[in-house]
Amino acid sequence: LFVTVFFGANDASLPGDRAQNQHVPIDEYEGNLRKMVQSIGERFQADKPAVVLITPPPLAKKKWDGWCMENYGDLSPRTNEASKMYGDRVKSVAKELGCPVVDSFSLLGGNDTDESYGKHLEDGLHLNGSGNKLIFEGLLDVLKRDFPELAPMDDGDDKHGKKGIALHGALWKDLC
């Protein structure tokens, strides 16, 4: 059993986003994340699930602003810098609580150009198919590295391996 915690893209909206009221101050966000991980540990104490934290993805501002104007006639103010700062808090909590991290910001190329990582975002904020695939591959890498007993059995030659979760059908990589 493992649990992923992937939130923050909406929390990282800027404080002026009163129309959507999604902004969560960064210290509160960090505290909420910590409480979530601790709550998972308490709730599923007998199973001791692995908890994997996932950072918020980058924000392609031009694409997001265009989408908001086209669909709502108003902006929902966000920045890529804020997404990165919230992701840094995820990494900090992960280190403190001993959880591995899937760094979606880095996986999608958040330090590159808006256009570069924007190709993995449907509307500038939400993942599209290629963005989801990158996060999925990042999650598999973390499982294989930190929790091999929870990764799919696969020896790399399209055969079932000796460690991990047995598959009864197509391999995960064939389903994506």
C-alpha atoms as a PDB file:
ATOM      1  CA  LEU A   1       0.000   0.000   0.000  1.00  0.00           C
ATOM      2  CA  PHE A   2       1.245   3.487  -0.837  1.00  0.00           C
ATOM      3  CA  VAL A   3      -0.354   6.914  -0.826  1.00  0.00           C
ATOM      4  CA  THR A   4       0.478   9.891  -3.003  1.00  0.00           C
ATOM      5  CA  VAL A   5      -0.169  13.449  -1.855  1.00  0.00           C
ATOM      6  CA  PHE A   6      -0.306  15.833  -4.800  1.00  0.00           C
ATOM      7  CA  PHE A   7      -1.778  19.241  -4.155  1.00  0.00           C
ATOM      8  CA  GLY A   8      -0.702  22.842  -4.203  1.00  0.00           C
ATOM      9  CA  ALA A   9      -1.273  24.113  -7.724  1.00  0.00           C
ATOM     10  CA  ASN A  10      -4.435  25.925  -6.617  1.00  0.00           C
ATOM     11  CA  ASP A  11      -3.096  26.770  -3.154  1.00  0.00           C
ATOM     12  CA  ALA A  12      -0.209  28.614  -4.845  1.00  0.00           C
ATOM     13  CA  SER A  13      -2.548  31.074  -6.545  1.00  0.00           C
ATOM     14  CA  LEU A  14      -1.667  34.615  -5.529  1.00  0.00           C
ATOM     15  CA  PRO A  15      -3.401  36.315  -2.579  1.00  0.00           C
ATOM     16  CA  GLY A  16      -5.312  38.648  -4.914  1.00  0.00           C
ATOM     17  CA  ASP A  17      -7.249  35.718  -6.387  1.00  0.00           C
ATOM     18  CA  ARG A  18     -10.438  36.634  -4.553  1.00  0.00           C
ATOM     19  CA  ALA A  19     -12.746  35.481  -7.348  1.00  0.00           C
ATOM     20  CA  GLN A  20     -11.690  31.860  -6.963  1.00  0.00           C
ATOM     21  CA  ASN A  21     -10.603  32.172  -3.313  1.00  0.00           C
ATOM     22  CA  GLN A  22      -8.057  29.348  -3.726  1.00  0.00           C
ATOM     23  CA  HIS A  23      -4.967  30.964  -2.225  1.00  0.00           C
ATOM     24  CA  VAL A  24      -3.575  29.294   0.894  1.00  0.00           C
ATOM     25  CA  PRO A  25      -0.696  31.135   2.589  1.00  0.00           C
ATOM     26  CA  ILE A  26       2.517  29.152   2.176  1.00  0.00           C
ATOM     27  CA  ASP A  27       3.076  28.521   5.905  1.00  0.00           C
ATOM     28  CA  GLU A  28      -0.486  27.241   6.243  1.00  0.00           C
ATOM     29  CA  TYR A  29       0.010  25.081   3.146  1.00  0.00           C
ATOM     30  CA  GLU A  30       3.154  23.564   4.673  1.00  0.00           C
ATOM     31  CA  GLY A  31       1.319  22.882   7.938  1.00  0.00           C
ATOM     32  CA  ASN A  32      -1.607  21.303   6.080  1.00  0.00           C
ATOM     33  CA  LEU A  33       0.762  19.050   4.167  1.00  0.00           C
ATOM     34  CA  ARG A  34       2.500  17.975   7.370  1.00  0.00           C
ATOM     35  CA  LYS A  35      -0.882  17.236   9.026  1.00  0.00           C
ATOM     36  CA  MET A  36      -1.997  15.217   6.004  1.00  0.00           C
ATOM     37  CA  VAL A  37       1.073  12.990   6.059  1.00  0.00           C
ATOM     38  CA  GLN A  38       0.812  12.528   9.825  1.00  0.00           C
ATOM     39  CA  SER A  39      -2.908  11.761   9.538  1.00  0.00           C
ATOM     40  CA  ILE A  40      -2.250   9.101   6.900  1.00  0.00           C
ATOM     41  CA  GLY A  41       0.299   7.497   9.210  1.00  0.00           C
ATOM     42  CA  GLU A  42      -2.131   7.535  12.146  1.00  0.00           C
ATOM     43  CA  ARG A  43      -5.168   6.373  10.158  1.00  0.00           C
ATOM     44  CA  PHE A  44      -3.401   3.469   8.476  1.00  0.00           C
ATOM     45  CA  GLN A  45      -1.027   2.670  11.323  1.00  0.00           C
ATOM     46  CA  ALA A  46      -1.327  -1.106  10.949  1.00  0.00           C
ATOM     47  CA  ASP A  47      -0.537  -1.022   7.212  1.00  0.00           C
ATOM     48  CA  LYS A  48       2.260   1.571   7.492  1.00  0.00           C
ATOM     49  CA  PRO A  49       1.702   2.877   3.972  1.00  0.00           C
ATOM     50  CA  ALA A  50       4.512   4.515   2.073  1.00  0.00           C
ATOM     51  CA  VAL A  51       3.687   8.182   1.502  1.00  0.00           C
ATOM     52  CA  VAL A  52       5.036   9.840  -1.641  1.00  0.00           C
ATOM     53  CA  LEU A  53       4.740  13.612  -1.916  1.00  0.00           C
ATOM     54  CA  ILE A  54       4.422  15.286  -5.307  1.00  0.00           C
ATOM     55  CA  THR A  55       5.314  18.947  -5.843  1.00  0.00           C
ATOM     56  CA  PRO A  56       2.958  21.282  -7.687  1.00  0.00           C
ATOM     57  CA  PRO A  57       3.708  21.472 -11.413  1.00  0.00           C
ATOM     58  CA  PRO A  58       5.057  24.592 -13.078  1.00  0.00           C
ATOM     59  CA  LEU A  59       2.652  27.241 -14.345  1.00  0.00           C
ATOM     60  CA  ALA A  60       2.696  28.382 -17.966  1.00  0.00           C
ATOM     61  CA  LYS A  61       1.451  31.906 -17.257  1.00  0.00           C
ATOM     62  CA  LYS A  62       0.686  33.095 -20.796  1.00  0.00           C
ATOM     63  CA  LYS A  63      -1.264  29.936 -21.556  1.00  0.00           C
ATOM     64  CA  TRP A  64      -3.118  30.061 -18.207  1.00  0.00           C
ATOM     65  CA  ASP A  65      -3.988  33.756 -18.547  1.00  0.00           C
ATOM     66  CA  GLY A  66      -5.287  33.149 -22.067  1.00  0.00           C
ATOM     67  CA  TRP A  67      -7.410  30.220 -20.914  1.00  0.00           C
ATOM     68  CA  CYS A  68      -8.855  32.219 -18.001  1.00  0.00           C
ATOM     69  CA  MET A  69      -9.739  35.199 -20.179  1.00  0.00           C
ATOM     70  CA  GLU A  70     -11.309  32.998 -22.846  1.00  0.00           C
ATOM     71  CA  ASN A  71     -13.377  30.974 -20.389  1.00  0.00           C
ATOM     72  CA  TYR A  72     -14.086  33.436 -17.551  1.00  0.00           C
ATOM     73  CA  GLY A  73     -13.252  36.887 -18.875  1.00  0.00           C
ATOM     74  CA  ASP A  74     -11.021  37.391 -15.844  1.00  0.00           C
ATOM     75  CA  LEU A  75      -7.585  36.365 -14.604  1.00  0.00           C
ATOM     76  CA  SER A  76      -6.748  33.945 -11.804  1.00  0.00           C
ATOM     77  CA  PRO A  77      -3.372  35.383 -10.808  1.00  0.00           C
ATOM     78  CA  ARG A  78      -0.616  32.805 -10.477  1.00  0.00           C
ATOM     79  CA  THR A  79       3.113  32.645 -11.156  1.00  0.00           C
ATOM     80  CA  ASN A  80       5.605  29.928 -11.901  1.00  0.00           C
ATOM     81  CA  GLU A  81       7.765  31.315  -9.087  1.00  0.00           C
ATOM     82  CA  ALA A  82       4.958  30.732  -6.563  1.00  0.00           C
ATOM     83  CA  SER A  83       4.532  27.150  -7.808  1.00  0.00           C
ATOM     84  CA  LYS A  84       8.245  26.568  -7.293  1.00  0.00           C
ATOM     85  CA  MET A  85       8.144  28.051  -3.769  1.00  0.00           C
ATOM     86  CA  TYR A  86       5.257  25.778  -2.787  1.00  0.00           C
ATOM     87  CA  GLY A  87       7.173  22.849  -4.267  1.00  0.00           C
ATOM     88  CA  ASP A  88      10.180  23.764  -2.139  1.00  0.00           C
ATOM     89  CA  ARG A  89       7.936  23.511   0.925  1.00  0.00           C
ATOM     90  CA  VAL A  90       6.827  20.044  -0.213  1.00  0.00           C
ATOM     91  CA  LYS A  91      10.475  18.995  -0.395  1.00  0.00           C
ATOM     92  CA  SER A  92      11.133  20.443   3.052  1.00  0.00           C
ATOM     93  CA  VAL A  93       8.226  18.546   4.633  1.00  0.00           C
ATOM     94  CA  ALA A  94       9.256  15.389   2.789  1.00  0.00           C
ATOM     95  CA  LYS A  95      12.773  15.625   4.182  1.00  0.00           C
ATOM     96  CA  GLU A  96      11.486  16.304   7.697  1.00  0.00           C
ATOM     97  CA  LEU A  97       9.028  13.377   7.626  1.00  0.00           C
ATOM     98  CA  GLY A  98      11.156  10.948   5.624  1.00  0.00           C
ATOM     99  CA  CYS A  99       8.951  10.799   2.538  1.00  0.00           C
ATOM    100  CA  PRO A 100      10.248  10.507  -1.014  1.00  0.00           C
ATOM    101  CA  VAL A 101       9.278  13.212  -3.508  1.00  0.00           C
ATOM    102  CA  VAL A 102       8.214  13.211  -7.125  1.00  0.00           C
ATOM    103  CA  ASP A 103       9.333  16.665  -8.254  1.00  0.00           C
ATOM    104  CA  SER A 104       6.747  17.421 -10.910  1.00  0.00           C
ATOM    105  CA  PHE A 105       8.092  20.961 -11.282  1.00  0.00           C
ATOM    106  CA  SER A 106      11.481  19.614 -12.398  1.00  0.00           C
ATOM    107  CA  LEU A 107      10.091  16.640 -14.337  1.00  0.00           C
ATOM    108  CA  LEU A 108       8.052  19.002 -16.516  1.00  0.00           C
ATOM    109  CA  GLY A 109      10.990  21.406 -16.935  1.00  0.00           C
ATOM    110  CA  GLY A 110       9.714  24.194 -14.682  1.00  0.00           C
ATOM    111  CA  ASN A 111      13.021  26.053 -14.824  1.00  0.00           C
ATOM    112  CA  ASP A 112      12.906  26.185 -18.633  1.00  0.00           C
ATOM    113  CA  THR A 113      10.786  28.497 -20.773  1.00  0.00           C
ATOM    114  CA  ASP A 114       7.033  28.898 -20.465  1.00  0.00           C
ATOM    115  CA  GLU A 115       6.615  27.301 -23.883  1.00  0.00           C
ATOM    116  CA  SER A 116       8.873  24.375 -22.986  1.00  0.00           C
ATOM    117  CA  TYR A 117       6.965  23.146 -19.953  1.00  0.00           C
ATOM    118  CA  GLY A 118       3.656  24.538 -21.205  1.00  0.00           C
ATOM    119  CA  LYS A 119       3.477  21.679 -23.714  1.00  0.00           C
ATOM    120  CA  HIS A 120       2.792  19.359 -20.736  1.00  0.00           C
ATOM    121  CA  LEU A 121      -0.077  21.487 -19.415  1.00  0.00           C
ATOM    122  CA  GLU A 122      -3.570  21.454 -20.886  1.00  0.00           C
ATOM    123  CA  ASP A 123      -4.454  25.025 -19.982  1.00  0.00           C
ATOM    124  CA  GLY A 124      -1.221  26.284 -18.454  1.00  0.00           C
ATOM    125  CA  LEU A 125      -2.030  24.838 -15.013  1.00  0.00           C
ATOM    126  CA  HIS A 126      -3.478  21.322 -15.314  1.00  0.00           C
ATOM    127  CA  LEU A 127      -1.524  18.372 -16.675  1.00  0.00           C
ATOM    128  CA  ASN A 128      -2.265  17.029 -20.138  1.00  0.00           C
ATOM    129  CA  GLY A 129      -1.442  13.524 -21.405  1.00  0.00           C
ATOM    130  CA  SER A 130       2.299  14.074 -21.712  1.00  0.00           C
ATOM    131  CA  GLY A 131       2.415  15.798 -18.306  1.00  0.00           C
ATOM    132  CA  ASN A 132       0.569  12.913 -16.674  1.00  0.00           C
ATOM    133  CA  LYS A 133       2.906  10.451 -18.341  1.00  0.00           C
ATOM    134  CA  LEU A 134       5.973  12.268 -16.985  1.00  0.00           C
ATOM    135  CA  ILE A 135       4.523  12.268 -13.451  1.00  0.00           C
ATOM    136  CA  PHE A 136       3.618   8.582 -13.784  1.00  0.00           C
ATOM    137  CA  GLU A 137       7.161   7.748 -14.884  1.00  0.00           C
ATOM    138  CA  GLY A 138       8.559   9.821 -12.013  1.00  0.00           C
ATOM    139  CA  LEU A 139       6.335   7.973  -9.550  1.00  0.00           C
ATOM    140  CA  LEU A 140       7.464   4.611 -10.938  1.00  0.00           C
ATOM    141  CA  ASP A 141      11.098   5.688 -10.556  1.00  0.00           C
ATOM    142  CA  VAL A 142      10.489   6.602  -6.901  1.00  0.00           C
ATOM    143  CA  LEU A 143       8.689   3.307  -6.242  1.00  0.00           C
ATOM    144  CA  LYS A 144      11.447   1.282  -7.869  1.00  0.00           C
ATOM    145  CA  ARG A 145      14.132   3.170  -5.950  1.00  0.00           C
ATOM    146  CA  ASP A 146      12.523   3.516  -2.509  1.00  0.00           C
ATOM    147  CA  PHE A 147       9.834   0.822  -2.401  1.00  0.00           C
ATOM    148  CA  PRO A 148      10.745  -1.919  -4.882  1.00  0.00           C
ATOM    149  CA  GLU A 149       8.288  -4.255  -3.191  1.00  0.00           C
ATOM    150  CA  LEU A 150       5.482  -1.891  -4.317  1.00  0.00           C
ATOM    151  CA  ALA A 151       6.642  -1.416  -7.908  1.00  0.00           C
ATOM    152  CA  PRO A 152       5.276  -3.629 -10.667  1.00  0.00           C
ATOM    153  CA  MET A 153       7.238  -6.815 -11.270  1.00  0.00           C
ATOM    154  CA  ASP A 154       9.207  -6.127 -14.414  1.00  0.00           C
ATOM    155  CA  ASP A 155      12.748  -7.207 -15.163  1.00  0.00           C
ATOM    156  CA  GLY A 156      13.051  -4.742 -18.030  1.00  0.00           C
ATOM    157  CA  ASP A 157      12.515  -7.317 -20.765  1.00  0.00           C
ATOM    158  CA  ASP A 158       8.713  -7.306 -20.625  1.00  0.00           C
ATOM    159  CA  LYS A 159       8.831 -10.226 -18.199  1.00  0.00           C
ATOM    160  CA  HIS A 160       7.695 -10.414 -14.624  1.00  0.00           C
ATOM    161  CA  GLY A 161      10.512  -9.940 -12.141  1.00  0.00           C
ATOM    162  CA  LYS A 162      11.130 -11.459  -8.737  1.00  0.00           C
ATOM    163  CA  LYS A 163      10.410  -8.374  -6.632  1.00  0.00           C
ATOM    164  CA  GLY A 164       7.342  -6.165  -6.528  1.00  0.00           C
ATOM    165  CA  ILE A 165       3.663  -6.532  -7.258  1.00  0.00           C
ATOM    166  CA  ALA A 166       2.674  -9.308  -9.621  1.00  0.00           C
ATOM    167  CA  LEU A 167       0.915  -8.267 -12.778  1.00  0.00           C
ATOM    168  CA  HIS A 168      -2.012 -10.134 -14.204  1.00  0.00           C
ATOM    169  CA  GLY A 169      -2.217  -8.535 -17.597  1.00  0.00           C
ATOM    170  CA  ALA A 170      -0.467  -5.833 -19.522  1.00  0.00           C
ATOM    171  CA  LEU A 171       2.531  -4.091 -18.001  1.00  0.00           C
ATOM    172  CA  TRP A 172       1.932  -0.540 -16.727  1.00  0.00           C
ATOM    173  CA  LYS A 173       4.103   0.956 -19.423  1.00  0.00           C
ATOM    174  CA  ASP A 174       1.914  -0.703 -22.063  1.00  0.00           C
ATOM    175  CA  LEU A 175      -1.215   0.896 -20.609  1.00  0.00           C
ATOM    176  CA  CYS A 176       0.046   4.476 -20.884  1.00  0.00           C
END
